[in-house]
Protein backbone atom coordinates (compact mmCIF):
# COMPACT_ATOMS: atom_id res chain seq x y z
CA MET A 1 -0.20 -0.06 0.10
CA ASP A 2 1.42 3.37 -1.19
CA MET A 3 2.45 5.72 2.34
CA ILE A 4 0.27 8.79 2.15
CA SER A 5 2.14 11.78 2.76
CA ALA A 6 1.34 14.72 5.66
CA ALA A 7 3.00 17.77 6.85
CA GLY A 8 3.83 18.06 10.62
CA TYR A 9 3.34 21.27 12.72
CA ALA A 10 5.42 22.27 16.16
CA ARG A 11 4.81 25.75 17.89
CA TYR A 12 5.91 27.10 21.40
CA SER A 13 4.82 30.06 22.67
CA THR A 14 6.62 31.58 26.00
CA ASN A 15 10.08 31.76 27.17
CA ASN A 16 9.20 28.99 29.49
CA GLN A 17 9.61 26.73 26.73
CA THR A 18 12.33 25.95 24.86
CA GLU A 19 13.49 24.51 22.41
CA ASN A 20 12.87 20.59 23.37
CA SER A 21 9.12 21.46 23.15
CA ILE A 22 9.39 22.06 19.71
CA ALA A 23 11.82 18.68 19.49
CA TYR A 24 9.39 16.52 21.61
CA GLN A 25 6.54 17.24 19.44
CA MET A 26 8.32 16.57 15.71
CA HIS A 27 9.17 13.30 18.06
CA GLU A 28 5.70 12.10 18.91
CA ILE A 29 4.49 13.75 15.44
CA THR A 30 7.40 11.22 13.17
CA GLY A 31 6.87 8.74 15.74
CA TYR A 32 3.21 8.56 14.74
CA CYS A 33 3.52 8.88 11.08
CA ALA A 34 5.79 5.64 11.79
CA ALA A 35 3.28 3.90 13.66
CA HIS A 36 0.40 4.72 10.44
CA ASN A 37 2.75 4.49 7.41
CA ILE A 38 2.33 8.09 6.70
CA ARG A 39 5.18 9.69 4.67
CA LEU A 40 6.71 13.12 6.29
CA THR A 41 7.18 15.24 3.12
CA HIS A 42 6.96 18.91 5.20
CA THR A 43 7.58 20.41 8.95
CA PHE A 44 6.47 23.78 9.95
CA ILE A 45 7.73 25.45 13.35
CA ASP A 46 6.56 28.67 15.10
CA GLU A 47 9.18 29.30 18.00
CA GLY A 48 7.67 31.83 20.27
CA LYS A 49 4.66 32.70 18.73
CA SER A 50 1.49 32.61 20.46
CA GLY A 51 -1.08 30.52 19.14
CA THR A 52 -3.65 33.18 20.12
CA ASN A 53 -3.76 34.43 16.60
CA THR A 54 -2.57 32.46 12.89
CA ASN A 55 -0.33 35.15 11.74
CA ARG A 56 2.61 32.83 12.31
CA ASP A 57 5.45 32.37 9.54
CA GLY A 58 5.17 28.73 9.52
CA PHE A 59 1.44 28.57 10.20
CA GLN A 60 0.71 30.97 6.70
CA ASP A 61 3.65 29.21 5.18
CA MET A 62 1.70 25.62 5.61
CA LEU A 63 -1.79 27.19 4.46
CA ARG A 64 -0.08 28.49 1.43
CA ALA A 65 1.84 24.60 0.82
CA ALA A 66 -2.03 23.15 1.62
CA LYS A 67 -3.33 25.46 -1.16
CA ASN A 68 -1.02 23.86 -3.67
CA LYS A 69 -2.18 20.78 -2.69
CA GLU A 70 1.39 19.73 -2.03
CA PHE A 71 0.42 17.12 1.16
CA ASN A 72 -3.00 15.91 2.10
CA ASN A 73 -2.80 15.49 6.19
CA ILE A 74 -1.39 17.98 8.83
CA ILE A 75 -0.05 16.24 11.36
CA ILE A 76 -0.19 18.31 15.00
CA TYR A 77 1.01 17.35 18.62
CA ASP A 78 -2.25 18.72 20.38
CA VAL A 79 -4.65 20.76 19.30
CA THR A 80 -3.47 23.55 21.16
CA ARG A 81 -0.52 23.60 19.45
CA GLY A 82 -2.62 24.95 16.76
CA SER A 83 -4.71 27.63 18.16
CA ARG A 84 -6.30 28.36 20.87
CA ASP A 85 -8.68 30.87 19.79
CA ILE A 86 -11.79 28.61 18.76
CA ALA A 87 -12.61 30.37 15.98
CA ASP A 88 -9.32 30.68 14.63
CA TRP A 89 -9.16 26.79 14.73
CA PHE A 90 -12.48 25.79 13.36
CA CYS A 91 -11.60 28.36 10.11
CA PHE A 92 -8.77 26.50 9.94
CA ARG A 93 -10.71 23.46 10.23
CA LYS A 94 -13.09 24.52 7.79
CA MET A 95 -10.68 25.29 5.14
CA MET A 96 -8.94 22.11 5.49
CA SER A 97 -11.84 20.41 4.75
CA GLU A 98 -13.01 22.59 1.61
CA LEU A 99 -8.83 21.59 0.10
CA GLY A 100 -10.02 17.87 1.45
CA ILE A 101 -6.54 17.95 3.62
CA ASN A 102 -7.12 15.36 6.94
CA VAL A 103 -6.37 17.01 10.55
CA ILE A 104 -4.80 14.75 12.71
CA SER A 105 -3.35 15.28 16.63
CA CYS A 106 -0.73 12.70 17.96
CA HIS A 107 -2.99 12.89 21.14
CA GLN A 108 -6.84 13.69 20.42
CA LYS A 109 -9.44 12.25 18.89
CA LEU A 110 -10.48 15.16 16.02
CA GLY A 111 -13.67 13.70 13.70
CA ASP A 112 -15.24 15.18 10.89
CA PRO A 113 -16.21 18.61 12.47
CA LEU A 114 -20.05 18.50 10.61
CA ASN A 115 -20.23 15.28 12.94
CA PRO A 116 -22.54 16.62 15.95
CA ASN A 117 -20.76 14.65 18.43
CA ASP A 118 -17.01 15.07 17.34
CA PHE A 119 -17.52 18.68 16.63
CA LEU A 120 -18.83 19.63 20.20
CA THR A 121 -15.76 17.17 21.59
CA GLU A 122 -13.09 19.11 19.84
CA PHE A 123 -14.95 22.47 20.69
CA ILE A 124 -15.16 21.45 24.57
CA THR A 125 -11.36 20.44 23.62
CA VAL A 126 -9.82 23.81 21.99
CA GLY A 127 -12.59 25.83 24.17
CA LEU A 128 -10.24 24.56 27.48
CA GLY A 129 -7.25 25.65 25.73
CA GLN A 130 -8.49 28.99 25.18
CA HIS A 131 -9.63 28.91 29.08
CA GLN A 132 -6.70 28.60 29.75
CA VAL A 133 -5.30 31.56 27.93
CA LEU A 134 -7.79 33.59 29.34
CA GLU A 135 -7.09 32.71 32.67
CA THR A 136 -3.40 32.98 32.86
CA ARG A 137 -4.34 36.55 31.05
CA GLN A 138 -6.05 37.62 33.77
CA LYS A 139 -3.96 36.66 36.16
CA SER A 140 -0.99 38.77 34.52
CA ILE A 141 -3.46 41.70 34.49
CA ASP A 142 -4.10 40.87 37.86
CA GLY A 143 -0.86 41.26 38.46
CA SER A 144 0.71 44.66 36.85
CA SER A 145 -2.68 46.46 38.08
CA ALA A 146 -1.23 45.35 41.51
CA ALA A 147 2.29 46.94 40.52
CA ALA A 148 0.35 49.69 38.55
CA ARG A 149 -1.31 50.77 42.19
CA LYS A 150 2.14 51.65 43.39
CA GLY A 151 3.90 53.55 40.64
CA LEU A 152 5.95 50.61 39.23
CA PHE A 153 7.44 51.05 36.34
CA LEU A 154 5.75 48.30 33.59
CA GLY A 155 7.63 48.56 30.63
CA GLY A 156 8.15 50.46 27.32
CA THR A 157 10.84 53.38 27.56
CA PRO A 158 11.00 55.72 30.76
CA PRO A 159 10.59 59.83 29.40
CA TYR A 160 13.54 61.75 29.05
CA GLY A 161 13.96 63.24 32.72
CA TYR A 162 13.46 59.77 34.69
CA GLU A 163 15.51 56.63 35.43
CA ILE A 164 14.23 53.92 36.18
CA VAL A 165 15.89 52.03 39.94
CA ASN A 166 14.14 48.48 40.60
CA GLN A 167 11.08 50.26 38.99
CA GLU A 168 10.89 52.88 40.69
CA TYR A 169 10.92 56.56 38.65
CA LYS A 170 14.27 58.34 40.13
CA ILE A 171 14.60 61.99 38.40
CA VAL A 172 17.66 63.00 36.72
CA PRO A 173 18.92 66.10 37.81
CA SER A 174 20.67 67.50 34.79
CA GLU A 175 17.54 66.13 32.60
CA ALA A 176 14.95 67.89 34.50
CA ARG A 177 16.52 70.85 34.55
CA ILE A 178 16.18 70.69 30.68
CA VAL A 179 11.99 69.28 31.15
CA ARG A 180 11.83 71.96 33.57
CA GLU A 181 12.76 75.25 31.56
CA ALA A 182 11.23 74.10 28.63
CA PHE A 183 7.58 73.60 30.42
CA ARG A 184 8.17 77.16 31.58
CA LEU A 185 8.99 78.68 28.49
CA TYR A 186 6.00 77.04 26.68
CA TYR A 187 4.03 78.37 29.78
CA GLU A 188 5.31 81.76 29.35
CA GLY A 189 4.25 82.08 25.72
CA TYR A 190 7.32 80.91 24.04
CA SER A 191 7.30 78.87 20.41
CA TYR A 192 8.58 75.94 19.65
CA SER A 193 11.44 76.97 17.82
CA TYR A 194 12.75 79.31 20.26
CA ILE A 195 12.71 76.82 23.34
CA MET A 196 14.56 74.66 20.78
CA LYS A 197 16.89 76.74 20.29
CA GLU A 198 17.60 78.41 23.60
CA LEU A 199 17.75 74.89 25.57
CA LYS A 200 20.06 73.58 22.60
CA ILE A 201 16.96 70.35 22.30
CA GLY A 202 18.32 69.33 19.01
CA ASP A 203 21.83 68.30 20.42
CA ILE A 204 20.00 66.06 22.66
CA ARG A 205 19.67 63.06 22.03
CA GLY A 206 16.50 60.91 23.56
CA ARG A 207 15.64 57.70 24.90
CA LYS A 208 16.03 55.94 21.76
CA GLY A 209 19.47 57.39 20.91
CA SER A 210 17.91 60.00 17.64
CA TYR A 211 18.32 63.52 18.41
CA MET A 212 15.13 65.50 19.76
CA ASN A 213 13.54 68.19 17.80
CA LYS A 214 9.32 69.61 18.10
CA ASN A 215 8.10 66.75 18.09
CA SER A 216 9.65 65.42 20.98
CA LEU A 217 8.49 68.75 22.70
CA TYR A 218 5.11 68.19 21.61
CA TYR A 219 5.37 64.76 23.38
CA MET A 220 6.77 65.74 26.49
CA PHE A 221 4.23 68.57 27.14
CA LYS A 222 1.94 65.81 26.63
CA ASN A 223 2.85 63.77 29.40
CA PRO A 224 1.42 63.27 32.51
CA ARG A 225 3.76 61.60 34.40
CA TYR A 226 5.97 64.51 34.59
CA ALA A 227 3.44 66.78 36.61
CA GLY A 228 3.16 63.07 38.95
CA VAL A 229 0.55 61.95 37.67
CA TYR A 230 0.51 57.85 36.93
CA ILE A 231 -1.25 56.38 34.47
CA TRP A 232 -1.42 53.14 33.35
CA ASN A 233 -3.73 51.21 31.00
CA GLU A 234 -5.88 53.95 29.18
CA TYR A 235 -6.42 52.46 25.76
CA THR A 236 -6.96 48.53 24.70
CA TYR A 237 -4.97 48.14 21.21
CA GLN A 238 -4.85 44.24 21.16
CA ILE A 239 -7.64 41.21 21.90
CA MET A 240 -6.56 38.50 22.01
CA ARG A 241 -3.24 38.91 20.39
CA LYS A 242 -5.25 40.69 17.13
CA TYR A 243 -5.16 44.01 16.54
CA VAL A 244 -8.05 45.97 17.31
CA GLY A 245 -7.28 50.12 17.17
CA ARG A 246 -7.11 52.18 20.14
CA LYS A 247 -9.81 51.97 22.16
CA PRO A 248 -10.58 53.29 25.91
CA ASN A 249 -9.73 50.67 28.01
CA ASN A 250 -12.12 50.32 31.23
CA ARG A 251 -9.40 48.64 33.32
CA LYS A 252 -7.35 52.19 33.16
CA ILE A 253 -5.43 53.47 36.54
CA GLU A 254 -4.66 57.08 37.48
CA LEU A 255 -2.96 58.41 40.16
CA GLU A 256 -1.71 61.32 40.85
CA GLY A 257 1.37 62.14 43.39
CA ILE A 258 2.76 58.36 42.96
CA ILE A 259 5.58 59.47 41.12
CA PRO A 260 8.02 62.03 41.44
CA ALA A 261 7.05 65.73 39.58
CA ILE A 262 9.31 67.57 37.54
CA VAL A 263 6.72 70.32 36.62
CA SER A 264 4.22 72.23 39.06
CA VAL A 265 0.46 71.23 37.97
CA GLU A 266 -0.28 74.50 37.81
CA ILE A 267 2.37 74.63 35.25
CA TRP A 268 1.51 71.22 33.31
CA LYS A 269 -2.24 73.09 33.42
CA GLY A 270 -1.56 75.88 31.94
CA VAL A 271 0.38 74.20 29.07
CA GLN A 272 -1.89 72.01 28.34
CA ARG A 273 -4.38 74.66 28.15
CA ARG A 274 -2.02 76.77 25.27
CA MET A 275 -1.99 73.47 23.32
CA GLU A 276 -5.63 73.06 23.06
CA SER A 277 -6.30 76.48 22.45
CA ASN A 278 -3.22 76.29 19.48
CA LYS A 279 -5.04 73.16 18.18
CA LYS A 280 -8.62 75.40 18.47
CA ARG A 281 -6.75 78.35 16.28
CA THR A 282 -7.93 79.40 12.74
CA TYR A 283 -5.23 80.12 10.81
CA THR A 284 -5.57 81.73 7.29
CA PRO A 285 -3.62 80.08 4.93
CA LYS A 286 -0.32 81.44 3.25
CA ARG A 287 -0.99 82.76 -0.60
CA LYS A 288 0.59 79.79 -2.54
CA ARG A 289 3.83 80.62 -4.10
CA THR A 290 3.72 80.51 -7.78
CA PHE A 291 7.63 79.77 -8.84
CA PHE A 292 7.48 80.21 -12.91
CA LEU A 293 10.31 78.82 -14.30
CA SER A 294 10.72 75.59 -12.04
CA GLY A 295 12.00 71.86 -13.00
CA ILE A 296 12.89 73.96 -16.70
CA ILE A 297 16.23 75.43 -15.66
CA LYS A 298 19.54 72.86 -15.89
CA CYS A 299 22.64 74.10 -14.66
CA GLY A 300 25.24 74.70 -16.78
CA ILE A 301 27.80 73.90 -13.80
CA CYS A 302 26.85 70.71 -12.40
CA GLY A 303 24.26 69.63 -14.28
CA GLU A 304 21.69 69.43 -11.45
CA ASN A 305 18.36 70.90 -11.78
CA TYR A 306 17.29 73.98 -10.05
CA ILE A 307 15.11 74.42 -7.24
CA ALA A 308 12.98 77.32 -5.90
CA HIS A 309 13.70 78.54 -2.51
CA ALA A 310 12.12 81.77 -0.50
CA SER A 311 13.32 83.16 2.04
CA THR A 312 11.81 85.81 4.73
CA SER A 313 13.59 88.75 6.07
CA LYS A 314 12.23 91.93 7.57
CA GLY A 315 8.98 90.29 6.80
CA LYS A 316 9.07 90.82 3.32
CA GLU A 317 9.50 87.44 1.36
CA TYR A 318 12.20 86.98 -1.15
CA LYS A 319 12.39 84.12 -3.69
CA TYR A 320 15.23 82.53 -6.14
CA TYR A 321 16.06 80.07 -8.18
CA VAL A 322 19.03 77.96 -6.52
CA CYS A 323 21.14 74.96 -8.11
CA SER A 324 19.71 71.65 -5.93
CA ASN A 325 22.94 70.46 -5.57
CA ARG A 326 23.95 73.90 -3.70
CA TYR A 327 20.95 74.09 -1.69
CA GLY A 328 18.64 71.07 -1.90
CA LYS A 329 20.88 68.01 -1.14
CA SER A 330 22.38 66.84 2.31
CA ASN A 331 25.60 65.10 2.57
CA VAL A 332 27.48 66.15 -0.42
CA PRO A 333 30.93 66.54 -0.51
CA ASP A 334 31.17 68.91 -3.81
CA ARG A 335 28.82 71.23 -3.65
CA CYS A 336 28.27 73.52 -7.23
CA LYS A 337 29.24 76.83 -6.76
CA SER A 338 26.36 78.35 -9.01
CA ASN A 339 24.82 81.74 -7.82
CA PRO A 340 21.50 82.04 -6.80
CA VAL A 341 19.22 84.60 -8.96
CA ARG A 342 16.09 86.59 -8.52
CA CYS A 343 12.98 85.33 -9.18
CA ASP A 344 11.40 88.40 -10.23
CA GLU A 345 14.29 89.31 -12.53
CA LEU A 346 15.13 85.52 -14.23
CA ASP A 347 11.05 85.30 -14.64
CA ASN A 348 10.57 89.21 -15.96
CA PHE A 349 13.52 88.16 -18.95
CA VAL A 350 11.77 85.00 -19.81
CA ILE A 351 8.27 86.73 -19.90
CA GLU A 352 10.09 89.28 -22.49
CA ALA A 353 11.67 86.69 -24.63
CA VAL A 354 8.62 84.56 -25.31
CA LYS A 355 6.80 87.69 -26.19
CA ASN A 356 9.57 89.17 -28.33
CA CYS A 357 9.28 85.72 -30.04
CA LEU A 358 5.93 85.55 -30.57
CA LEU A 359 5.62 89.63 -31.51
CA GLU A 360 8.35 89.78 -34.16
CA HIS A 361 5.53 87.80 -36.28
CA THR A 362 2.50 91.04 -36.41
CA ASP A 363 0.50 88.23 -38.38
CA PHE A 364 -0.31 85.42 -36.24
CA LYS A 365 -2.42 83.25 -38.67
CA ALA A 366 1.02 83.30 -40.81
CA LEU A 367 2.61 82.67 -37.81
CA ALA A 368 0.16 79.17 -37.21
CA ASN A 369 0.57 78.42 -41.36
CA LYS A 370 4.77 78.00 -40.68
CA ILE A 371 4.17 76.09 -37.85
CA ALA A 372 1.72 73.86 -39.50
CA GLU A 373 3.91 73.56 -42.30
CA ARG A 374 6.48 72.37 -40.34
CA PHE A 375 4.75 69.93 -38.68
CA LYS A 376 3.25 68.57 -41.76
CA GLU A 377 7.24 68.05 -42.86
CA LEU A 378 7.64 65.77 -39.40
CA ASN A 379 4.48 63.74 -39.98
CA THR A 380 6.18 62.98 -43.48
CA ILE A 381 9.45 61.77 -41.55
CA ASN A 382 7.47 59.84 -39.44
CA ASN A 383 5.45 58.60 -42.15
CA THR A 384 9.36 56.91 -43.27
CA LYS A 385 10.08 55.94 -40.03
CA THR A 386 6.64 53.92 -40.07
CA VAL A 387 7.61 51.58 -42.78
CA GLU A 388 11.59 51.05 -41.44
CA ILE A 389 9.93 49.90 -37.41
CA LYS A 390 7.50 47.83 -39.13
CA LYS A 391 10.41 46.62 -41.00
CA GLU A 392 12.45 45.78 -38.11
CA LEU A 393 9.36 45.05 -36.02
CA THR A 394 8.15 41.58 -38.19
CA SER A 395 11.72 40.71 -37.63
CA ILE A 396 12.14 40.95 -33.99
CA LYS A 397 8.61 39.07 -34.03
CA ASN A 398 10.24 36.08 -35.82
CA LYS A 399 13.12 36.15 -33.94
CA ILE A 400 10.98 35.33 -30.82
CA GLN A 401 9.42 32.60 -32.39
CA ASN A 402 11.91 31.24 -33.78
CA GLY A 403 13.46 30.83 -29.78
CA ILE A 404 9.84 29.67 -28.81
CA ASN A 405 9.86 26.98 -31.30
CA ALA A 406 13.63 25.71 -30.17
CA VAL A 407 12.74 25.57 -26.56
CA LEU A 408 9.32 23.46 -27.42
CA GLU A 409 11.81 21.38 -28.99
CA GLY A 410 14.09 20.56 -26.05
CA LEU A 411 16.59 23.08 -27.10
CA ASP A 412 15.93 25.26 -23.88
CA SER A 413 18.96 27.09 -21.97
CA GLU A 414 19.37 29.54 -19.36
CA GLU A 415 21.50 32.04 -22.59
CA LEU A 416 18.35 31.39 -24.68
CA ARG A 417 15.80 32.56 -22.32
CA GLU A 418 17.36 35.53 -21.82
CA GLN A 419 17.81 36.55 -25.16
CA LEU A 420 13.80 35.73 -25.37
CA LYS A 421 13.70 38.51 -22.70
CA THR A 422 15.71 41.00 -24.87
CA LEU A 423 13.72 40.59 -27.77
CA LYS A 424 10.39 40.44 -25.77
CA LEU A 425 11.51 44.11 -24.76
CA LYS A 426 13.25 45.48 -28.01
CA GLN A 427 8.85 44.21 -29.48
CA GLU A 428 7.56 46.56 -26.54
CA TYR A 429 9.62 49.35 -27.43
CA LEU A 430 9.41 49.35 -31.40
CA GLU A 431 5.61 48.66 -30.64
CA GLY A 432 5.39 51.91 -28.44
CA CYS A 433 7.61 54.11 -31.29
CA LEU A 434 5.04 52.66 -34.31
CA LYS A 435 1.91 54.24 -32.22
CA ASN A 436 3.66 57.18 -31.81
CA ALA A 437 4.93 57.12 -34.94
CA GLN A 438 1.60 56.52 -36.64
CA ASN A 439 -0.21 58.79 -34.29
CA THR A 440 -0.68 61.69 -37.45
CA ARG A 441 -2.12 64.84 -36.21
CA PHE A 442 -3.54 67.89 -38.21
CA ILE A 443 -3.25 71.24 -37.06
CA ASP A 444 -6.18 73.51 -36.97
CA VAL A 445 -4.77 76.51 -38.39
CA ASP A 446 -7.54 79.60 -37.36
CA ALA A 447 -6.89 78.04 -33.55
CA LEU A 448 -3.76 78.11 -33.34
CA ALA A 449 -3.06 81.58 -34.41
CA GLU A 450 -6.18 82.58 -31.75
CA ALA A 451 -4.49 80.47 -29.24
CA LEU A 452 -0.85 82.49 -30.12
CA ARG A 453 -2.84 85.62 -29.56
CA ASN A 454 -4.01 84.79 -26.31
CA ASP A 455 -0.40 83.44 -25.26
CA VAL A 456 0.80 87.26 -25.48
CA GLU A 457 -2.31 88.19 -23.81
CA ASN A 458 -1.86 86.01 -20.57
CA LEU A 459 1.48 87.09 -20.58
CA GLU A 460 0.29 90.67 -19.88
CA HIS A 461 -2.67 88.99 -17.86
CA GLU A 462 -2.36 89.03 -13.88
CA ASN A 463 -3.40 85.69 -13.16
CA GLU A 464 0.07 83.73 -12.27
CA GLU A 465 -1.36 80.27 -13.20
CA LYS A 466 -2.23 81.46 -16.93
CA ILE A 467 1.33 83.12 -17.27
CA ARG A 468 2.74 79.37 -16.17
CA ASN A 469 1.18 77.82 -18.58
CA CYS A 470 2.04 79.98 -21.36
CA ILE A 471 5.61 79.99 -20.25
CA ARG A 472 5.71 76.56 -20.28
CA ASN A 473 4.34 76.24 -24.02
CA HIS A 474 6.73 78.08 -25.27
CA VAL A 475 10.10 77.17 -23.40
CA PRO A 476 11.32 73.74 -23.03
CA TYR A 477 14.40 74.77 -20.87
CA ILE A 478 16.63 76.87 -20.01
CA ILE A 479 20.49 76.69 -18.87
CA ALA A 480 21.69 78.66 -16.55
CA ASN A 481 25.71 79.50 -17.99
CA GLU A 482 28.76 79.20 -15.60
CA ASP A 483 29.36 83.14 -16.22
CA GLY A 484 25.76 83.93 -14.40
CA SER A 485 24.35 84.41 -17.87
CA PHE A 486 20.84 82.36 -18.86
CA THR A 487 20.22 80.76 -21.89
CA VAL A 488 16.53 80.87 -22.89
CA ALA A 489 14.80 78.07 -25.51
CA VAL A 490 11.64 80.21 -26.58
CA GLY A 491 9.75 78.79 -29.93
CA TYR A 492 6.37 76.54 -30.28
CA ILE A 493 5.87 72.91 -29.21
CA LEU A 494 4.58 71.60 -31.75
CA PRO A 495 1.71 69.04 -30.55
CA GLY A 496 2.38 65.20 -29.89
CA GLN A 497 6.35 66.39 -29.17
CA GLU A 498 5.56 67.33 -25.19
CA SER A 499 7.75 64.69 -24.11
CA ALA A 500 10.90 65.74 -25.66
CA ALA A 501 10.57 68.75 -25.16
CA LYS A 502 10.67 68.09 -21.53
CA GLU A 503 14.66 66.05 -22.08
CA LYS A 504 16.85 67.68 -19.59
CA LEU A 505 19.83 68.28 -21.90
CA PRO A 506 19.39 70.20 -25.61
CA SER A 507 20.07 68.05 -28.62
CA GLN A 508 20.05 68.59 -32.69
CA MET A 509 17.02 66.75 -32.40
CA ARG A 510 14.99 68.97 -30.09
CA LYS A 511 15.84 71.88 -32.53
CA GLU A 512 13.10 70.35 -34.65
CA LEU A 513 10.26 71.26 -31.87
CA TYR A 514 10.83 74.62 -32.21
CA ILE A 515 10.23 77.18 -35.08
CA ALA A 516 11.18 80.61 -33.59
CA TRP A 517 14.61 80.90 -30.61
CA GLN A 518 15.64 83.86 -28.47
CA GLY A 519 18.96 83.19 -26.59
CA GLN A 520 20.87 84.42 -23.48
């Protein structure tokens, strides 16, 4: 008789159980297999994992293998190793029944879960396991509650300003001075920025090793322990090891004066009032800054893009375009030596360049006709390219089919598969090129003439968004030269050529996209 296949699953949960527990479980599982002519083909193990949920690596790996029908039995030492949660256990049993996989316990009789008597026996067995977990949990909570009523430290990270000695909170004088002064300054109306600078908070490492920041101040001011108020078990985050969000806990313990206070209750309450007041304050949103040339300026020295930068001095705002290799990146050994340029100066220069480019053609209809003729030439070039692309695409498809035929005939190799992969990528590229080349468009001359006329009017408009859009229609790139001058490419971006116009460096090909230029 052929041996049936099975997977063995073993688990232990707490530090009181050791790897010997796994070894013993596997000893029992292999013994059961030998006694019942079962071939053990898979082993899944979870070490130090609770049985109150199924979010365990080994258990999940076993479920995936079961869905792939890699075995037809699962053997466990006893039911508690599988789960200590009734709902999880019977969900698992139902899944295995649907997959046609039998679940076997070395020391318990597991029958048909659809049989009333078998179900009742199994329900009681799993229920006793869950009862044991709940009982242990209750004893643990009772013990923690008793310790909490004494104000003892129950784990986590002690707040800055305290240290823990024999589970008791002790004040660290050097740290408490910083905490006390931070509370006082905020109580008296000073800002986070002022407190950070005055007390050099940014130079202080917190309990987890990272430097403190404004968020550190926020959580410091919100922590009631600095006022001697001890709170434990305020929220519930998990039920039976399953995350349930943040819910108020009816077993919350709150005691005043049981741990040493660093700040007075008066200052603590004053700080809370100010924080609550700030939360309710309505802020007037700042007007969105418009930077006309963001993303189209390239540094002629290092090749990086320019970014927009704003600063305020004596109540007045100043806007600049600066090389990102000088201002926008950290830990760069060789920063760019380019100088920033005032936004208003460069913006005005570019606006005038676009105006001059458009206005040198007093007849917008004639200008539109010239653009349409150039576009027609490009369509003719694209039609020629289409024939070439189709020819190359046919050749690539033939090579791919020949490669597939070779694989089917048994001439398979890693090198052949790599070549096929490369050919398929090239096929996708050529198909994209063909689609673009065949995308023939026609220019409505009257509509284009009207659009060009509107662009000139928009440059005189006060609407910053209209000005920005007009500039983007006619300026594909700007080069910030090493001598401080700027080369501005100005023209008309032909329809369908927008992606090429966004290339970072000027090229001979790009010059085909424009019909007019204005330099330096």
